[in-house]
Amino acid sequence: MADNEAPAERDPRVYFAAERTFLAWIRTGLALMGFGFVVARFGLFLRELSMRQLQPSQMSSMASSHTTGPSLWLGTALVIVGVIVNVSAALTHIHQVKALATGTWVAGKPSKTAVAVALLLAAAGVGLAIYLVWVR
């Protein structure tokens, strides 16, 4: 360590980096929640669009079926994943700042949250691709 460098637990750049990472996770969680809301409401939009194309005699039978397809459930799941990402980001940030303050932080450790979110979104993407091919 050079003479002008402070130890990691005293260097504010380390805390600022942790803060930027935390804010990036918050942004990711908010994006997931926003995208989930859009997906959930897209089924409603499709239902309204199909209602406009029906004849007035067909509308009464279709008005009783309030199906939005899987978009409601997929959108709700994305909102829940976004909430979990934000809560996990807050807990991880608190743990990381405590580890930095005590000098017990270990560099090079993979983020469990990042890996879990990446695998979950990959599985959701595969499921969505299968659904899109299946529905056509």
N, C-alpha and C. Protein backbone atom coordinates (compact mmCIF):
# COMPACT_ATOMS: atom_id res chain seq x y z
N MET A 1 0.86 -1.18 0.00
CA MET A 1 0.00 0.00 0.00
C MET A 1 0.90 1.23 0.00
N ALA A 2 0.60 2.18 -0.85
CA ALA A 2 1.39 3.40 -0.95
C ALA A 2 1.15 4.26 0.29
N ASP A 3 2.03 5.21 0.51
CA ASP A 3 1.95 6.05 1.70
C ASP A 3 0.69 6.94 1.71
N ASN A 4 0.24 7.36 0.54
CA ASN A 4 -0.89 8.28 0.50
C ASN A 4 -2.24 7.56 0.45
N GLU A 5 -2.26 6.24 0.41
CA GLU A 5 -3.52 5.49 0.36
C GLU A 5 -3.98 5.13 1.76
N ALA A 6 -5.27 5.32 2.01
CA ALA A 6 -5.85 4.95 3.29
C ALA A 6 -6.29 3.49 3.22
N PRO A 7 -6.39 2.82 4.38
CA PRO A 7 -6.92 1.47 4.36
C PRO A 7 -8.36 1.47 3.84
N ALA A 8 -8.79 0.31 3.34
CA ALA A 8 -10.12 0.23 2.70
C ALA A 8 -11.23 0.70 3.63
N GLU A 9 -11.13 0.40 4.92
CA GLU A 9 -12.21 0.79 5.83
C GLU A 9 -12.27 2.30 6.07
N ARG A 10 -11.23 3.04 5.66
CA ARG A 10 -11.24 4.49 5.81
C ARG A 10 -11.35 5.23 4.48
N ASP A 11 -11.19 4.54 3.40
CA ASP A 11 -11.20 5.17 2.08
C ASP A 11 -12.64 5.41 1.63
N PRO A 12 -13.04 6.65 1.46
CA PRO A 12 -14.43 6.94 1.08
C PRO A 12 -14.78 6.41 -0.32
N ARG A 13 -13.78 6.24 -1.18
CA ARG A 13 -14.07 5.73 -2.53
C ARG A 13 -14.67 4.33 -2.47
N VAL A 14 -14.25 3.54 -1.50
CA VAL A 14 -14.79 2.18 -1.35
C VAL A 14 -16.26 2.25 -0.97
N TYR A 15 -16.61 3.14 -0.07
CA TYR A 15 -18.01 3.30 0.34
C TYR A 15 -18.86 3.87 -0.80
N PHE A 16 -18.28 4.79 -1.57
CA PHE A 16 -19.01 5.33 -2.71
C PHE A 16 -19.26 4.25 -3.77
N ALA A 17 -18.30 3.36 -3.96
CA ALA A 17 -18.48 2.25 -4.90
C ALA A 17 -19.60 1.33 -4.42
N ALA A 18 -19.63 1.07 -3.12
CA ALA A 18 -20.70 0.23 -2.56
C ALA A 18 -22.05 0.92 -2.72
N GLU A 19 -22.06 2.23 -2.56
CA GLU A 19 -23.30 3.00 -2.74
C GLU A 19 -23.78 2.95 -4.19
N ARG A 20 -22.84 3.08 -5.14
CA ARG A 20 -23.22 3.01 -6.56
C ARG A 20 -23.78 1.63 -6.90
N THR A 21 -23.17 0.59 -6.35
CA THR A 21 -23.67 -0.76 -6.59
C THR A 21 -25.07 -0.91 -6.01
N PHE A 22 -25.28 -0.41 -4.83
CA PHE A 22 -26.61 -0.46 -4.19
C PHE A 22 -27.64 0.27 -5.04
N LEU A 23 -27.30 1.45 -5.52
CA LEU A 23 -28.23 2.22 -6.35
C LEU A 23 -28.52 1.52 -7.68
N ALA A 24 -27.53 0.84 -8.22
CA ALA A 24 -27.76 0.07 -9.46
C ALA A 24 -28.75 -1.07 -9.21
N TRP A 25 -28.64 -1.71 -8.05
CA TRP A 25 -29.59 -2.79 -7.72
C TRP A 25 -30.98 -2.22 -7.50
N ILE A 26 -31.08 -1.05 -6.88
CA ILE A 26 -32.39 -0.41 -6.69
C ILE A 26 -33.00 -0.09 -8.06
N ARG A 27 -32.18 0.42 -8.96
CA ARG A 27 -32.65 0.73 -10.31
C ARG A 27 -33.13 -0.55 -11.02
N THR A 28 -32.42 -1.64 -10.84
CA THR A 28 -32.81 -2.91 -11.43
C THR A 28 -34.15 -3.38 -10.87
N GLY A 29 -34.31 -3.29 -9.55
CA GLY A 29 -35.56 -3.68 -8.92
C GLY A 29 -36.73 -2.83 -9.39
N LEU A 30 -36.51 -1.53 -9.50
CA LEU A 30 -37.58 -0.64 -9.98
C LEU A 30 -37.93 -0.94 -11.44
N ALA A 31 -36.92 -1.25 -12.25
CA ALA A 31 -37.19 -1.60 -13.65
C ALA A 31 -38.00 -2.88 -13.74
N LEU A 32 -37.68 -3.87 -12.91
CA LEU A 32 -38.45 -5.11 -12.90
C LEU A 32 -39.89 -4.85 -12.49
N MET A 33 -40.08 -4.02 -11.48
CA MET A 33 -41.45 -3.71 -11.05
C MET A 33 -42.22 -2.95 -12.13
N GLY A 34 -41.58 -1.98 -12.76
CA GLY A 34 -42.24 -1.24 -13.83
C GLY A 34 -42.57 -2.12 -15.02
N PHE A 35 -41.64 -2.97 -15.41
CA PHE A 35 -41.88 -3.89 -16.51
C PHE A 35 -42.99 -4.88 -16.15
N GLY A 36 -43.01 -5.33 -14.91
CA GLY A 36 -44.08 -6.22 -14.47
C GLY A 36 -45.44 -5.56 -14.55
N PHE A 37 -45.51 -4.31 -14.18
CA PHE A 37 -46.77 -3.57 -14.28
C PHE A 37 -47.23 -3.47 -15.73
N VAL A 38 -46.29 -3.17 -16.62
CA VAL A 38 -46.62 -3.06 -18.05
C VAL A 38 -47.11 -4.40 -18.59
N VAL A 39 -46.42 -5.48 -18.23
CA VAL A 39 -46.81 -6.81 -18.70
C VAL A 39 -48.20 -7.17 -18.17
N ALA A 40 -48.45 -6.88 -16.91
CA ALA A 40 -49.76 -7.20 -16.33
C ALA A 40 -50.88 -6.42 -17.01
N ARG A 41 -50.64 -5.19 -17.35
CA ARG A 41 -51.66 -4.36 -17.99
C ARG A 41 -51.76 -4.63 -19.49
N PHE A 42 -50.77 -5.27 -20.08
CA PHE A 42 -50.82 -5.55 -21.51
C PHE A 42 -51.95 -6.53 -21.83
N GLY A 43 -52.21 -7.49 -20.96
CA GLY A 43 -53.32 -8.40 -21.17
C GLY A 43 -54.65 -7.68 -21.17
N LEU A 44 -54.77 -6.68 -20.30
CA LEU A 44 -55.98 -5.86 -20.26
C LEU A 44 -56.14 -5.09 -21.56
N PHE A 45 -55.04 -4.56 -22.07
CA PHE A 45 -55.07 -3.84 -23.34
C PHE A 45 -55.50 -4.76 -24.48
N LEU A 46 -54.97 -5.97 -24.51
CA LEU A 46 -55.34 -6.92 -25.56
C LEU A 46 -56.82 -7.29 -25.46
N ARG A 47 -57.32 -7.45 -24.24
CA ARG A 47 -58.74 -7.76 -24.07
C ARG A 47 -59.62 -6.63 -24.59
N GLU A 48 -59.24 -5.40 -24.26
CA GLU A 48 -60.01 -4.25 -24.75
C GLU A 48 -59.95 -4.15 -26.27
N LEU A 49 -58.80 -4.43 -26.83
CA LEU A 49 -58.64 -4.39 -28.27
C LEU A 49 -59.52 -5.44 -28.95
N SER A 50 -59.59 -6.62 -28.39
CA SER A 50 -60.42 -7.67 -28.97
C SER A 50 -61.91 -7.35 -28.81
N MET A 51 -62.27 -6.67 -27.73
CA MET A 51 -63.67 -6.29 -27.51
C MET A 51 -64.13 -5.29 -28.58
N ARG A 52 -63.26 -4.43 -29.02
CA ARG A 52 -63.62 -3.43 -30.02
C ARG A 52 -63.84 -4.06 -31.39
N GLN A 53 -63.24 -5.21 -31.62
CA GLN A 53 -63.37 -5.88 -32.91
C GLN A 53 -64.60 -6.79 -32.98
N LEU A 54 -65.26 -7.01 -31.85
CA LEU A 54 -66.42 -7.89 -31.82
C LEU A 54 -67.69 -7.15 -32.24
N GLN A 55 -68.66 -7.92 -32.69
CA GLN A 55 -69.98 -7.38 -32.99
C GLN A 55 -70.71 -7.13 -31.66
N PRO A 56 -71.67 -6.21 -31.64
CA PRO A 56 -72.41 -5.95 -30.38
C PRO A 56 -73.09 -7.18 -29.82
N SER A 57 -73.52 -8.10 -30.66
CA SER A 57 -74.19 -9.31 -30.15
C SER A 57 -73.20 -10.25 -29.46
N GLN A 58 -71.93 -10.20 -29.83
CA GLN A 58 -70.91 -11.06 -29.23
C GLN A 58 -70.36 -10.47 -27.94
N MET A 59 -70.52 -9.17 -27.75
CA MET A 59 -69.92 -8.49 -26.60
C MET A 59 -70.50 -8.96 -25.27
N SER A 60 -71.78 -9.24 -25.23
CA SER A 60 -72.39 -9.63 -23.96
C SER A 60 -71.81 -10.95 -23.46
N SER A 61 -71.53 -11.88 -24.37
CA SER A 61 -70.95 -13.16 -23.93
C SER A 61 -69.49 -13.00 -23.57
N MET A 62 -68.77 -12.10 -24.24
CA MET A 62 -67.35 -11.89 -23.95
C MET A 62 -67.14 -11.02 -22.72
N ALA A 63 -68.11 -10.17 -22.41
CA ALA A 63 -67.94 -9.26 -21.27
C ALA A 63 -67.88 -10.02 -19.96
N SER A 64 -68.50 -11.19 -19.91
CA SER A 64 -68.48 -11.94 -18.67
C SER A 64 -67.15 -12.66 -18.45
N SER A 65 -66.40 -12.92 -19.52
CA SER A 65 -65.10 -13.57 -19.33
C SER A 65 -64.03 -12.49 -19.16
N HIS A 66 -63.43 -12.47 -18.01
CA HIS A 66 -62.45 -11.44 -17.68
C HIS A 66 -61.04 -11.99 -17.73
N THR A 67 -60.73 -12.81 -18.71
CA THR A 67 -59.41 -13.40 -18.78
C THR A 67 -58.41 -12.43 -19.40
N THR A 68 -57.26 -12.36 -18.82
CA THR A 68 -56.17 -11.55 -19.37
C THR A 68 -55.01 -12.44 -19.76
N GLY A 69 -55.21 -13.74 -19.72
CA GLY A 69 -54.15 -14.66 -20.08
C GLY A 69 -53.06 -14.69 -19.02
N PRO A 70 -51.91 -15.15 -19.41
CA PRO A 70 -50.82 -15.26 -18.43
C PRO A 70 -50.14 -13.93 -18.11
N SER A 71 -50.51 -12.86 -18.80
CA SER A 71 -49.81 -11.59 -18.57
C SER A 71 -50.02 -11.07 -17.15
N LEU A 72 -51.18 -11.29 -16.58
CA LEU A 72 -51.42 -10.83 -15.21
C LEU A 72 -50.49 -11.55 -14.24
N TRP A 73 -50.38 -12.86 -14.39
CA TRP A 73 -49.54 -13.63 -13.47
C TRP A 73 -48.05 -13.36 -13.71
N LEU A 74 -47.65 -13.25 -14.96
CA LEU A 74 -46.25 -12.97 -15.26
C LEU A 74 -45.87 -11.57 -14.77
N GLY A 75 -46.75 -10.61 -15.00
CA GLY A 75 -46.49 -9.24 -14.53
C GLY A 75 -46.42 -9.16 -13.02
N THR A 76 -47.32 -9.84 -12.35
CA THR A 76 -47.30 -9.86 -10.88
C THR A 76 -46.02 -10.52 -10.37
N ALA A 77 -45.61 -11.60 -11.03
CA ALA A 77 -44.37 -12.27 -10.64
C ALA A 77 -43.17 -11.35 -10.82
N LEU A 78 -43.14 -10.57 -11.90
CA LEU A 78 -42.04 -9.63 -12.10
C LEU A 78 -42.03 -8.52 -11.05
N VAL A 79 -43.20 -8.06 -10.66
CA VAL A 79 -43.27 -7.04 -9.60
C VAL A 79 -42.73 -7.62 -8.29
N ILE A 80 -43.11 -8.85 -7.99
CA ILE A 80 -42.63 -9.50 -6.76
C ILE A 80 -41.12 -9.71 -6.81
N VAL A 81 -40.60 -10.12 -7.97
CA VAL A 81 -39.15 -10.28 -8.12
C VAL A 81 -38.46 -8.93 -7.91
N GLY A 82 -39.04 -7.86 -8.44
CA GLY A 82 -38.47 -6.53 -8.23
C GLY A 82 -38.43 -6.14 -6.76
N VAL A 83 -39.49 -6.46 -6.03
CA VAL A 83 -39.51 -6.18 -4.59
C VAL A 83 -38.43 -7.00 -3.87
N ILE A 84 -38.32 -8.28 -4.24
CA ILE A 84 -37.30 -9.13 -3.61
C ILE A 84 -35.90 -8.61 -3.92
N VAL A 85 -35.67 -8.15 -5.15
CA VAL A 85 -34.36 -7.60 -5.51
C VAL A 85 -34.06 -6.36 -4.66
N ASN A 86 -35.04 -5.49 -4.47
CA ASN A 86 -34.80 -4.28 -3.68
C ASN A 86 -34.52 -4.60 -2.21
N VAL A 87 -35.28 -5.52 -1.65
CA VAL A 87 -35.05 -5.90 -0.25
C VAL A 87 -33.69 -6.57 -0.10
N SER A 88 -33.38 -7.46 -1.04
CA SER A 88 -32.08 -8.13 -1.00
C SER A 88 -30.93 -7.14 -1.17
N ALA A 89 -31.12 -6.16 -2.04
CA ALA A 89 -30.09 -5.14 -2.24
C ALA A 89 -29.86 -4.34 -0.97
N ALA A 90 -30.93 -3.99 -0.28
CA ALA A 90 -30.78 -3.23 0.96
C ALA A 90 -30.05 -4.05 2.02
N LEU A 91 -30.44 -5.31 2.18
CA LEU A 91 -29.77 -6.16 3.18
C LEU A 91 -28.31 -6.40 2.83
N THR A 92 -28.04 -6.64 1.55
CA THR A 92 -26.66 -6.86 1.12
C THR A 92 -25.82 -5.60 1.33
N HIS A 93 -26.39 -4.45 1.03
CA HIS A 93 -25.66 -3.19 1.22
C HIS A 93 -25.33 -2.96 2.70
N ILE A 94 -26.29 -3.20 3.55
CA ILE A 94 -26.04 -3.04 4.99
C ILE A 94 -24.93 -3.98 5.44
N HIS A 95 -24.99 -5.22 5.01
CA HIS A 95 -23.97 -6.21 5.38
C HIS A 95 -22.59 -5.81 4.82
N GLN A 96 -22.57 -5.32 3.59
CA GLN A 96 -21.31 -4.94 2.96
C GLN A 96 -20.68 -3.73 3.65
N VAL A 97 -21.49 -2.75 4.01
CA VAL A 97 -20.95 -1.56 4.69
C VAL A 97 -20.40 -1.94 6.07
N LYS A 98 -21.10 -2.84 6.77
CA LYS A 98 -20.59 -3.30 8.07
C LYS A 98 -19.27 -4.05 7.90
N ALA A 99 -19.19 -4.89 6.85
CA ALA A 99 -17.96 -5.63 6.60
C ALA A 99 -16.82 -4.68 6.23
N LEU A 100 -17.12 -3.64 5.48
CA LEU A 100 -16.09 -2.66 5.14
C LEU A 100 -15.61 -1.90 6.37
N ALA A 101 -16.55 -1.54 7.24
CA ALA A 101 -16.21 -0.78 8.43
C ALA A 101 -15.36 -1.58 9.40
N THR A 102 -15.60 -2.88 9.48
CA THR A 102 -14.84 -3.71 10.41
C THR A 102 -13.58 -4.31 9.79
N GLY A 103 -13.43 -4.14 8.46
CA GLY A 103 -12.25 -4.67 7.80
C GLY A 103 -12.34 -6.16 7.49
N THR A 104 -13.54 -6.72 7.51
CA THR A 104 -13.70 -8.15 7.23
C THR A 104 -14.19 -8.42 5.81
N TRP A 105 -14.31 -7.39 4.98
CA TRP A 105 -14.78 -7.56 3.61
C TRP A 105 -13.74 -8.29 2.79
N VAL A 106 -14.21 -9.26 1.99
CA VAL A 106 -13.31 -10.05 1.14
C VAL A 106 -13.62 -9.73 -0.31
N ALA A 107 -12.61 -9.34 -1.06
CA ALA A 107 -12.79 -9.00 -2.48
C ALA A 107 -12.91 -10.28 -3.31
N GLY A 108 -13.59 -10.18 -4.43
CA GLY A 108 -13.66 -11.28 -5.37
C GLY A 108 -14.75 -12.30 -5.08
N LYS A 109 -15.61 -12.02 -4.13
CA LYS A 109 -16.70 -12.93 -3.80
C LYS A 109 -17.87 -12.65 -4.74
N PRO A 110 -18.41 -13.69 -5.42
CA PRO A 110 -19.53 -13.44 -6.35
C PRO A 110 -20.80 -13.02 -5.60
N SER A 111 -21.58 -12.20 -6.26
CA SER A 111 -22.83 -11.72 -5.66
C SER A 111 -23.91 -12.78 -5.82
N LYS A 112 -24.41 -13.28 -4.71
CA LYS A 112 -25.48 -14.28 -4.74
C LYS A 112 -26.75 -13.70 -5.34
N THR A 113 -27.02 -12.43 -5.03
CA THR A 113 -28.21 -11.77 -5.55
C THR A 113 -28.15 -11.67 -7.07
N ALA A 114 -26.99 -11.26 -7.59
CA ALA A 114 -26.85 -11.11 -9.03
C ALA A 114 -27.02 -12.44 -9.75
N VAL A 115 -26.42 -13.49 -9.21
CA VAL A 115 -26.53 -14.81 -9.82
C VAL A 115 -27.98 -15.30 -9.78
N ALA A 116 -28.64 -15.11 -8.64
CA ALA A 116 -30.03 -15.57 -8.50
C ALA A 116 -30.95 -14.82 -9.46
N VAL A 117 -30.80 -13.51 -9.56
CA VAL A 117 -31.64 -12.72 -10.46
C VAL A 117 -31.37 -13.10 -11.91
N ALA A 118 -30.11 -13.29 -12.26
CA ALA A 118 -29.77 -13.66 -13.64
C ALA A 118 -30.38 -15.02 -14.00
N LEU A 119 -30.29 -16.00 -13.11
CA LEU A 119 -30.86 -17.32 -13.39
C LEU A 119 -32.38 -17.27 -13.45
N LEU A 120 -32.99 -16.50 -12.56
CA LEU A 120 -34.45 -16.37 -12.56
C LEU A 120 -34.95 -15.71 -13.84
N LEU A 121 -34.28 -14.64 -14.25
CA LEU A 121 -34.70 -13.95 -15.47
C LEU A 121 -34.42 -14.80 -16.71
N ALA A 122 -33.35 -15.58 -16.69
CA ALA A 122 -33.08 -16.48 -17.82
C ALA A 122 -34.18 -17.53 -17.92
N ALA A 123 -34.59 -18.09 -16.78
CA ALA A 123 -35.68 -19.07 -16.79
C ALA A 123 -36.99 -18.43 -17.26
N ALA A 124 -37.25 -17.20 -16.83
CA ALA A 124 -38.45 -16.50 -17.27
C ALA A 124 -38.39 -16.23 -18.77
N GLY A 125 -37.22 -15.89 -19.27
CA GLY A 125 -37.06 -15.65 -20.71
C GLY A 125 -37.29 -16.91 -21.52
N VAL A 126 -36.78 -18.04 -21.06
CA VAL A 126 -37.01 -19.31 -21.75
C VAL A 126 -38.49 -19.65 -21.72
N GLY A 127 -39.12 -19.47 -20.57
CA GLY A 127 -40.55 -19.74 -20.47
C GLY A 127 -41.37 -18.84 -21.38
N LEU A 128 -41.00 -17.58 -21.46
CA LEU A 128 -41.71 -16.64 -22.33
C LEU A 128 -41.50 -17.00 -23.80
N ALA A 129 -40.30 -17.39 -24.16
CA ALA A 129 -40.03 -17.80 -25.54
C ALA A 129 -40.86 -19.03 -25.91
N ILE A 130 -40.93 -19.99 -25.02
CA ILE A 130 -41.75 -21.19 -25.26
C ILE A 130 -43.21 -20.80 -25.40
N TYR A 131 -43.69 -19.92 -24.54
CA TYR A 131 -45.08 -19.47 -24.62
C TYR A 131 -45.36 -18.77 -25.95
N LEU A 132 -44.45 -17.90 -26.38
CA LEU A 132 -44.66 -17.17 -27.63
C LEU A 132 -44.70 -18.11 -28.83
N VAL A 133 -43.85 -19.13 -28.83
CA VAL A 133 -43.86 -20.11 -29.92
C VAL A 133 -45.12 -20.97 -29.85
N TRP A 134 -45.54 -21.30 -28.66
CA TRP A 134 -46.70 -22.17 -28.48
C TRP A 134 -48.00 -21.46 -28.87
N VAL A 135 -48.15 -20.18 -28.53
CA VAL A 135 -49.39 -19.45 -28.79
C VAL A 135 -49.51 -19.05 -30.26
N ARG A 136 -48.45 -18.53 -30.83
CA ARG A 136 -48.40 -18.04 -32.22
C ARG A 136 -49.65 -17.33 -32.56
